[in-house]
């Protein structure tokens, strides 16, 4: 009966969409796992730590770089109404990329004497954020048109370019500069393919009037007011772990932690993000038609539960002992970090996939409140570690326990609103 149910799910349009996107993520991360043992033998923990510090900024600001207006591209009922959204998203993306890269670069690179030799990465950071914004707009458009095969294949291509490029430039002794160059080219490849169906509408986007831009700004005002702070809070709660680790234990420990996140935390995030895109599309349609999205929530939750159990077992028991063997001498500590954070990674995988349901329910303010809990937890963990002079393992244990608890609360809040019928229908 269970096997039949799984086959039925996988043969449905919803199941096929998830399969396409997740399979692309899995292939891309297999490439990363194969290449990273080479990178850890080419680059030092300090070099990877600096790289992680730059990518932390991309992670921190990437989700809000377009003011979250790009999210409305998926759910907007009328096709012609998405063009003002796209143009507005591009404008916001450019200015916010400039401001964010300048502020972050000054705080963590220029003003920090131990990092000032890497101040040139601010230029890369600006382009990282700008391209990130374009990618989000294109992904939202691809999602609207259910172009999941394109999204999946492009992600594999980008990951391949970033990883193999880093190896080649690392062998040529390009150091951190090589990591940044390969990351930049990896982001650029595939842009043209993703924009293929959008190109025919470029004139319509260009001709969007200022009046229509202001109408769009007003119509989707909840995005910058509620969703932006909520997403930033979510990103900061995780980005702050990187920043606090560097502050408490140094750039080399950050490099070790980044390896554990890159090997497992990042693949999980990518998978959950892909599932979230499909869940958002289906739940938004269900909500418009029925006033709730309990069916979408139920089938997604079942799928996530089935996947998460073996995921946790592998992360907790199988992966950690292999780190020293696979990644080389001195990298075993990263495996310990994975084991400690395994519960949090799994909870994040489940909840991040369905968290966007609060936007479907127009409850962005609840999303913000829940995300603030993560920030409070992160700051308190930092203060406790600093005051009691705790080890890095003890710091990560506090993070894992508190974050997992908040994720459980988050899940039940989304479940309540998924089953609640809107009075507007």
Protein backbone atom coordinates (compact mmCIF):
# COMPACT_ATOMS: atom_id res chain seq x y z
CA UNK A 1 0.00 0.00 0.00
CA UNK A 2 2.83 2.37 0.93
CA UNK A 3 4.77 1.45 -2.23
CA UNK A 4 1.67 2.05 -4.34
CA UNK A 5 1.16 5.44 -2.71
CA UNK A 6 4.79 6.42 -3.38
CA UNK A 7 4.50 5.34 -7.04
CA UNK A 8 1.27 7.27 -7.42
CA UNK A 9 2.89 10.37 -5.93
CA UNK A 10 5.95 10.11 -8.19
CA UNK A 11 3.77 9.65 -11.29
CA UNK A 12 1.68 12.75 -10.53
CA UNK A 13 2.60 16.14 -12.04
CA UNK A 14 3.53 17.35 -8.56
CA UNK A 15 5.75 14.32 -7.94
CA UNK A 16 7.39 14.62 -11.35
CA UNK A 17 8.19 18.29 -10.75
CA UNK A 18 9.81 17.51 -7.40
CA UNK A 19 11.71 14.60 -8.93
CA UNK A 20 13.12 16.77 -11.73
CA UNK A 21 14.30 19.54 -9.41
CA UNK A 22 15.60 17.33 -6.60
CA UNK A 23 17.40 15.01 -9.02
CA UNK A 24 19.19 18.03 -10.47
CA UNK A 25 20.16 19.11 -6.95
CA UNK A 26 21.41 15.62 -6.10
CA UNK A 27 23.54 15.37 -9.25
CA UNK A 28 24.98 18.83 -8.65
CA UNK A 29 25.86 18.00 -5.05
CA UNK A 30 27.44 14.68 -6.05
CA UNK A 31 29.73 16.75 -8.24
CA UNK A 32 30.49 19.01 -5.26
CA UNK A 33 31.20 16.04 -2.98
CA UNK A 34 33.55 14.53 -5.59
CA UNK A 35 35.45 17.79 -6.15
CA UNK A 36 35.64 19.08 -2.57
CA UNK A 37 38.21 16.50 -1.36
CA UNK A 38 40.46 17.98 -4.04
CA UNK A 39 39.73 21.56 -2.97
CA UNK A 40 40.53 20.83 0.68
CA UNK A 41 43.96 19.62 -0.45
CA UNK A 42 44.54 22.70 -2.60
CA UNK A 43 43.16 25.47 -0.37
CA UNK A 44 43.88 26.07 3.30
CA UNK A 45 41.23 26.40 6.00
CA UNK A 46 41.99 30.15 6.07
CA UNK A 47 41.41 30.56 2.32
CA UNK A 48 38.16 28.63 2.47
CA UNK A 49 37.25 30.69 5.55
CA UNK A 50 37.65 33.95 3.61
CA UNK A 51 35.62 32.46 0.77
CA UNK A 52 32.94 31.49 3.28
CA UNK A 53 32.92 35.03 4.67
CA UNK A 54 32.14 36.39 1.19
CA UNK A 55 29.49 33.76 0.45
CA UNK A 56 27.93 34.55 3.83
CA UNK A 57 27.09 38.00 2.47
CA UNK A 58 25.59 36.47 -0.67
CA UNK A 59 23.49 34.17 1.49
CA UNK A 60 22.53 36.97 3.88
CA UNK A 61 21.32 39.45 1.25
CA UNK A 62 20.54 37.17 -1.71
CA UNK A 63 17.05 36.26 -0.51
CA UNK A 64 15.96 39.89 -0.22
CA UNK A 65 17.98 41.47 -3.02
CA UNK A 66 14.81 42.16 -5.06
CA UNK A 67 12.72 43.29 -2.09
CA UNK A 68 10.95 39.90 -2.34
CA UNK A 69 8.84 41.30 -5.18
CA UNK A 70 10.09 38.49 -7.44
CA UNK A 71 8.03 36.05 -5.37
CA UNK A 72 4.86 37.65 -6.75
CA UNK A 73 5.87 36.61 -10.29
CA UNK A 74 4.78 33.07 -9.45
CA UNK A 75 1.42 33.86 -7.87
CA UNK A 76 0.26 36.84 -9.98
CA UNK A 77 -2.99 35.68 -11.71
CA UNK A 78 -2.60 37.74 -14.92
CA UNK A 79 0.40 37.22 -17.22
CA UNK A 80 0.64 40.87 -18.28
CA UNK A 81 0.84 41.98 -14.65
CA UNK A 82 4.15 40.20 -14.10
CA UNK A 83 6.12 42.59 -16.33
CA UNK A 84 5.95 45.54 -13.90
CA UNK A 85 7.00 43.11 -11.14
CA UNK A 86 10.04 42.02 -13.14
CA UNK A 87 11.13 45.59 -13.93
CA UNK A 88 10.63 46.71 -10.34
CA UNK A 89 12.62 43.70 -9.09
CA UNK A 90 15.54 44.54 -11.40
CA UNK A 91 15.65 48.19 -10.26
CA UNK A 92 15.58 47.26 -6.58
CA UNK A 93 18.19 44.55 -7.16
CA UNK A 94 20.73 46.95 -8.67
CA UNK A 95 20.56 49.59 -5.95
CA UNK A 96 20.39 47.12 -3.07
CA UNK A 97 23.38 45.17 -4.44
CA UNK A 98 25.43 48.36 -4.46
CA UNK A 99 24.48 49.33 -0.90
CA UNK A 100 24.74 45.84 0.64
CA UNK A 101 28.14 45.02 -0.88
CA UNK A 102 29.56 48.38 0.23
CA UNK A 103 28.30 48.15 3.83
CA UNK A 104 29.19 44.50 4.37
CA UNK A 105 32.56 44.90 2.67
CA UNK A 106 33.49 47.80 4.92
CA UNK A 107 32.38 46.06 8.12
CA UNK A 108 34.02 42.66 7.59
CA UNK A 109 36.87 43.30 5.16
CA UNK A 110 38.14 46.89 5.10
CA UNK A 111 37.75 47.74 8.79
CA UNK A 112 39.11 44.35 9.94
CA UNK A 113 42.90 44.50 9.92
CA UNK A 114 43.21 40.72 9.60
CA UNK A 115 41.11 40.73 6.41
CA UNK A 116 41.99 44.04 4.74
CA UNK A 117 44.31 42.34 2.22
CA UNK A 118 41.18 40.74 0.75
CA UNK A 119 39.28 44.02 0.33
CA UNK A 120 39.17 43.49 -3.46
CA UNK A 121 36.45 40.86 -2.95
CA UNK A 122 33.92 43.69 -2.43
CA UNK A 123 33.79 44.05 -6.23
CA UNK A 124 33.01 40.36 -6.57
CA UNK A 125 30.39 40.62 -3.86
CA UNK A 126 28.53 43.33 -5.77
CA UNK A 127 28.35 41.13 -8.88
CA UNK A 128 27.42 38.08 -6.77
CA UNK A 129 24.41 39.92 -5.39
CA UNK A 130 23.42 41.48 -8.71
CA UNK A 131 23.55 38.16 -10.58
CA UNK A 132 21.81 36.47 -7.67
CA UNK A 133 18.91 38.87 -8.09
CA UNK A 134 18.66 38.19 -11.82
CA UNK A 135 18.70 34.46 -11.11
CA UNK A 136 15.85 34.79 -8.64
CA UNK A 137 13.74 36.70 -11.16
CA UNK A 138 14.41 34.11 -13.84
CA UNK A 139 13.75 31.20 -11.48
CA UNK A 140 10.44 32.73 -10.47
CA UNK A 141 9.51 33.11 -14.14
CA UNK A 142 10.63 29.55 -14.89
CA UNK A 143 8.62 28.33 -11.92
CA UNK A 144 5.53 30.16 -13.17
CA UNK A 145 5.88 28.38 -16.51
CA UNK A 146 6.84 25.07 -14.83
CA UNK A 147 10.16 24.98 -16.68
CA UNK A 148 11.68 22.67 -14.10
CA UNK A 149 13.89 20.76 -16.53
CA UNK A 150 15.64 24.00 -17.49
CA UNK A 151 16.08 25.00 -13.85
CA UNK A 152 17.51 21.61 -12.94
CA UNK A 153 19.94 21.31 -15.87
CA UNK A 154 21.23 24.87 -15.43
CA UNK A 155 21.89 24.26 -11.74
CA UNK A 156 23.99 21.20 -12.60
CA UNK A 157 25.93 23.25 -15.16
CA UNK A 158 26.59 26.07 -12.70
CA UNK A 159 27.77 23.74 -9.98
CA UNK A 160 30.10 21.98 -12.42
CA UNK A 161 31.67 25.23 -13.61
CA UNK A 162 32.14 26.52 -10.06
CA UNK A 163 33.75 23.34 -8.77
CA UNK A 164 35.96 22.40 -11.71
CA UNK A 165 36.93 26.02 -12.20
CA UNK A 166 38.01 26.26 -8.57
CA UNK A 167 40.21 23.18 -8.97
CA UNK A 168 41.94 24.48 -12.10
CA UNK A 169 42.53 27.97 -10.69
CA UNK A 170 43.58 26.50 -7.35
CA UNK A 171 46.24 24.35 -9.00
CA UNK A 172 47.45 27.52 -10.73
CA UNK A 173 47.82 29.15 -7.28
CA UNK A 174 45.09 31.76 -7.72
CA UNK A 175 44.15 31.32 -4.03
CA UNK A 176 40.94 33.10 -2.92
CA UNK A 177 40.84 35.01 -6.21
CA UNK A 178 40.46 31.71 -8.05
CA UNK A 179 37.52 30.68 -5.86
CA UNK A 180 35.78 33.97 -6.55
CA UNK A 181 36.42 33.87 -10.31
CA UNK A 182 35.05 30.33 -10.63
CA UNK A 183 32.02 31.23 -8.53
CA UNK A 184 31.29 34.25 -10.73
CA UNK A 185 31.46 32.32 -14.00
CA UNK A 186 29.40 29.54 -12.45
CA UNK A 187 26.61 32.01 -11.72
CA UNK A 188 26.66 33.46 -15.23
CA UNK A 189 26.49 30.25 -17.27
CA UNK A 190 22.97 29.23 -18.12
CA UNK A 191 21.46 32.70 -17.74
CA UNK A 192 20.69 32.86 -21.45
CA UNK A 193 18.93 29.49 -21.39
CA UNK A 194 16.83 30.43 -18.38
CA UNK A 195 15.81 33.68 -20.05
CA UNK A 196 14.90 32.01 -23.36
CA UNK A 197 11.11 32.27 -22.96
CA UNK A 198 11.31 35.67 -21.29
CA UNK A 199 13.31 37.34 -24.08
CA UNK A 200 10.26 37.79 -26.29
CA UNK A 201 8.77 40.02 -23.57
CA UNK A 202 11.78 42.27 -22.98
CA UNK A 203 10.14 45.15 -24.87
CA UNK A 204 7.04 44.88 -22.67
CA UNK A 205 9.22 44.95 -19.57
CA UNK A 206 11.19 47.95 -20.82
CA UNK A 207 8.01 49.87 -21.65
CA UNK A 208 6.44 49.46 -18.22
CA UNK A 209 5.49 52.95 -17.09
CA UNK A 210 6.49 54.61 -13.84
CA UNK A 211 2.82 54.67 -12.88
CA UNK A 212 2.59 50.89 -13.24
CA UNK A 213 5.73 50.48 -11.17
CA UNK A 214 4.21 52.45 -8.32
CA UNK A 215 0.98 50.43 -8.61
CA UNK A 216 3.00 47.23 -8.31
CA UNK A 217 4.97 48.68 -5.42
CA UNK A 218 1.71 49.38 -3.60
CA UNK A 219 -0.09 46.19 -4.58
CA UNK A 220 2.60 43.91 -3.17
CA UNK A 221 3.64 46.16 -0.28
CA UNK A 222 3.58 43.28 2.21
CA UNK A 223 6.62 41.77 0.54
CA UNK A 224 9.15 44.45 1.60
CA UNK A 225 7.37 45.24 4.87
CA UNK A 226 6.93 41.71 6.23
CA UNK A 227 8.61 39.17 3.95
CA UNK A 228 11.94 41.00 3.59
CA UNK A 229 12.53 41.27 7.37
CA UNK A 230 11.39 37.66 7.81
CA UNK A 231 13.71 36.28 5.13
CA UNK A 232 16.57 38.49 6.33
CA UNK A 233 16.00 37.23 9.87
CA UNK A 234 16.13 33.66 8.59
CA UNK A 235 19.29 34.30 6.58
CA UNK A 236 20.89 36.25 9.42
CA UNK A 237 20.23 33.47 11.91
CA UNK A 238 22.39 31.16 9.77
CA UNK A 239 24.82 33.77 8.46
CA UNK A 240 25.42 34.86 12.05
CA UNK A 241 26.73 31.37 12.83
CA UNK A 242 29.52 32.01 10.31
CA UNK A 243 30.18 35.49 11.64
CA UNK A 244 30.09 34.40 15.29
CA UNK A 245 32.32 31.39 14.64
CA UNK A 246 34.90 33.66 13.01
CA UNK A 247 34.64 36.10 15.92
CA UNK A 248 34.84 33.41 18.63
CA UNK A 249 37.24 30.86 17.17
CA UNK A 250 38.98 32.41 14.13
CA UNK A 251 38.86 32.18 10.35
CA UNK A 252 40.28 28.61 10.22
CA UNK A 253 37.42 27.22 12.33
CA UNK A 254 35.03 29.02 9.99
CA UNK A 255 36.73 27.20 7.12
CA UNK A 256 36.09 23.85 8.86
CA UNK A 257 32.48 24.69 9.55
CA UNK A 258 31.99 25.88 5.98
CA UNK A 259 33.12 22.48 4.73
CA UNK A 260 30.49 20.74 6.87
CA UNK A 261 27.84 23.16 5.57
CA UNK A 262 29.02 22.89 1.97
CA UNK A 263 29.05 19.09 2.05
CA UNK A 264 25.63 18.61 3.65
CA UNK A 265 23.90 21.78 4.82
CA UNK A 266 23.99 23.47 1.41
CA UNK A 267 22.66 20.45 -0.55
CA UNK A 268 19.79 20.18 1.93
CA UNK A 269 19.04 23.88 1.54
CA UNK A 270 19.04 23.61 -2.26
CA UNK A 271 16.71 20.60 -2.16
CA UNK A 272 14.30 22.30 0.22
CA UNK A 273 14.36 25.49 -1.87
CA UNK A 274 13.45 23.52 -4.99
CA UNK A 275 10.63 21.70 -3.21
CA UNK A 276 9.44 25.05 -1.83
CA UNK A 277 9.16 26.47 -5.36
CA UNK A 278 6.84 23.65 -6.40
CA UNK A 279 4.93 23.76 -3.13
CA UNK A 280 4.42 27.51 -3.50
CA UNK A 281 3.10 27.18 -7.04
CA UNK A 282 0.64 24.38 -6.16
CA UNK A 283 -0.46 25.78 -2.81
CA UNK A 284 -1.06 29.24 -4.32
CA UNK A 285 -3.37 27.72 -6.96
CA UNK A 286 -5.14 25.58 -4.35
CA UNK A 287 -5.57 28.59 -2.06
CA UNK A 288 -7.10 30.67 -4.87
CA UNK A 289 -9.57 27.88 -5.71
CA UNK A 290 -10.44 26.45 -2.29
CA UNK A 291 -9.37 29.02 0.30
CA UNK A 292 -6.79 26.69 1.87
CA UNK A 293 -3.89 24.52 0.77
CA UNK A 294 -4.20 21.51 3.04
CA UNK A 295 -3.86 19.00 0.17
CA UNK A 296 -0.59 20.53 -1.02
CA UNK A 297 0.67 20.73 2.54
CA UNK A 298 -0.25 17.14 3.33
CA UNK A 299 1.37 15.52 0.29
CA UNK A 300 4.50 17.68 0.62
CA UNK A 301 4.83 16.89 4.34
CA UNK A 302 4.51 13.15 3.69
CA UNK A 303 7.19 13.31 1.01
CA UNK A 304 9.51 15.33 3.27
CA UNK A 305 9.03 12.92 6.16
CA UNK A 306 9.91 9.90 4.01
CA UNK A 307 13.07 11.57 2.73
CA UNK A 308 14.19 13.05 6.07
CA UNK A 309 14.51 9.77 8.01
CA UNK A 310 17.29 8.18 5.92
CA UNK A 311 18.80 11.65 5.52
CA UNK A 312 19.24 11.99 9.29
CA UNK A 313 20.65 8.46 9.72
CA UNK A 314 23.24 9.02 7.02
CA UNK A 315 24.25 12.43 8.40
CA UNK A 316 24.51 11.23 11.99
CA UNK A 317 26.14 7.82 11.63
CA UNK A 318 27.71 7.40 8.19
CA UNK A 319 29.09 10.76 7.04
CA UNK A 320 31.10 12.07 10.08
CA UNK A 321 33.67 9.21 10.26
CA UNK A 322 34.46 9.65 6.56
CA UNK A 323 35.47 13.33 6.69
CA UNK A 324 39.11 12.79 7.71
CA UNK A 325 39.53 10.07 5.09
CA UNK A 326 37.75 11.87 2.24
CA UNK A 327 38.82 15.49 2.78
CA UNK A 328 42.29 14.93 4.18
CA UNK A 329 44.21 15.36 7.41
CA UNK A 330 42.92 18.09 9.71
CA UNK A 331 39.39 18.14 8.29
CA UNK A 332 37.91 15.50 10.61
CA UNK A 333 36.51 18.17 12.95
CA UNK A 334 34.09 19.19 10.18
CA UNK A 335 32.55 15.70 10.39
CA UNK A 336 31.95 16.21 14.08
CA UNK A 337 30.16 19.45 13.31
CA UNK A 338 27.87 17.61 10.87
CA UNK A 339 26.91 15.06 13.52
CA UNK A 340 26.09 17.78 16.05
CA UNK A 341 24.01 19.77 13.55
CA UNK A 342 22.25 16.79 11.95
CA UNK A 343 18.90 17.32 13.81
CA UNK A 344 18.88 21.00 12.86
CA UNK A 345 19.71 20.28 9.20
CA UNK A 346 16.84 17.80 8.93
CA UNK A 347 14.34 20.12 10.62
CA UNK A 348 15.46 22.92 8.34
CA UNK A 349 14.97 20.70 5.29
CA UNK A 350 11.36 19.97 6.24
CA UNK A 351 10.29 23.42 7.40
CA UNK A 352 12.05 25.51 4.75
CA UNK A 353 10.19 23.51 2.11
CA UNK A 354 6.75 24.48 3.45
CA UNK A 355 7.48 27.77 5.26
CA UNK A 356 6.43 29.80 2.22
CA UNK A 357 2.87 28.66 2.99
CA UNK A 358 2.59 31.62 5.37
CA UNK A 359 2.96 33.91 2.35
CA UNK A 360 0.21 31.99 0.59
CA UNK A 361 -1.99 32.60 3.65
CA UNK A 362 -0.96 36.29 3.67
CA UNK A 363 0.52 35.84 7.15
CA UNK A 364 3.91 37.40 6.50
CA UNK A 365 3.86 39.02 9.94
CA UNK A 366 3.84 35.57 11.57
CA UNK A 367 6.75 34.57 9.36
CA UNK A 368 8.65 37.58 10.66
CA UNK A 369 7.88 36.79 14.31
CA UNK A 370 9.02 33.19 13.94
CA UNK A 371 12.24 34.22 12.21
CA UNK A 372 13.02 36.68 15.00
CA UNK A 373 13.14 33.66 17.33
CA UNK A 374 16.06 32.31 15.31
CA UNK A 375 17.95 35.59 15.67
CA UNK A 376 17.37 35.65 19.41
CA UNK A 377 18.56 32.05 19.64
CA UNK A 378 21.69 32.79 17.60
CA UNK A 379 22.64 35.86 19.64
CA UNK A 380 22.00 34.10 22.95
CA UNK A 381 24.14 31.15 21.84
CA UNK A 382 26.96 33.54 20.99
CA UNK A 383 26.72 35.37 24.31
CA UNK A 384 26.62 32.13 26.34
CA UNK A 385 29.64 30.78 24.47
CA UNK A 386 31.60 33.98 24.97
CA UNK A 387 30.66 34.38 28.65
CA UNK A 388 31.33 30.77 29.68
CA UNK A 389 34.23 30.28 27.26
CA UNK A 390 32.57 27.25 25.67
CA UNK A 391 34.15 25.10 22.96
CA UNK A 392 33.07 25.23 19.33
CA UNK A 393 31.32 21.86 19.77
CA UNK A 394 29.31 23.16 22.74
CA UNK A 395 28.36 26.29 20.80
CA UNK A 396 27.09 24.22 17.89
CA UNK A 397 25.14 21.93 20.24
CA UNK A 398 23.25 24.92 21.64
CA UNK A 399 22.53 26.12 18.10
CA UNK A 400 21.31 22.69 16.99
CA UNK A 401 18.94 22.17 19.93
CA UNK A 402 17.39 25.64 19.98
CA UNK A 403 17.01 25.93 16.21
CA UNK A 404 15.42 22.47 15.97
CA UNK A 405 12.86 23.42 18.62
CA UNK A 406 11.92 26.62 16.77
CA UNK A 407 11.55 24.67 13.51
CA UNK A 408 9.06 22.32 15.19
CA UNK A 409 6.97 25.30 16.28
CA UNK A 410 7.22 26.75 12.77
CA UNK A 411 5.93 23.54 11.20
CA UNK A 412 2.78 23.44 13.32
CA UNK A 413 2.04 27.12 12.66
CA UNK A 414 2.15 26.51 8.89
CA UNK A 415 0.01 23.39 9.32
CA UNK A 416 -2.68 25.36 11.15
CA UNK A 417 -2.99 27.94 8.38
CA UNK A 418 -2.75 25.32 5.63
CA UNK A 419 -5.95 23.74 6.96
CA UNK A 420 -7.71 27.00 7.77
CA UNK A 421 -10.29 28.12 5.19
CA UNK A 422 -9.97 31.75 4.10
CA UNK A 423 -13.12 33.86 4.58
CA UNK A 424 -12.39 35.56 1.23
CA UNK A 425 -13.33 32.45 -0.71
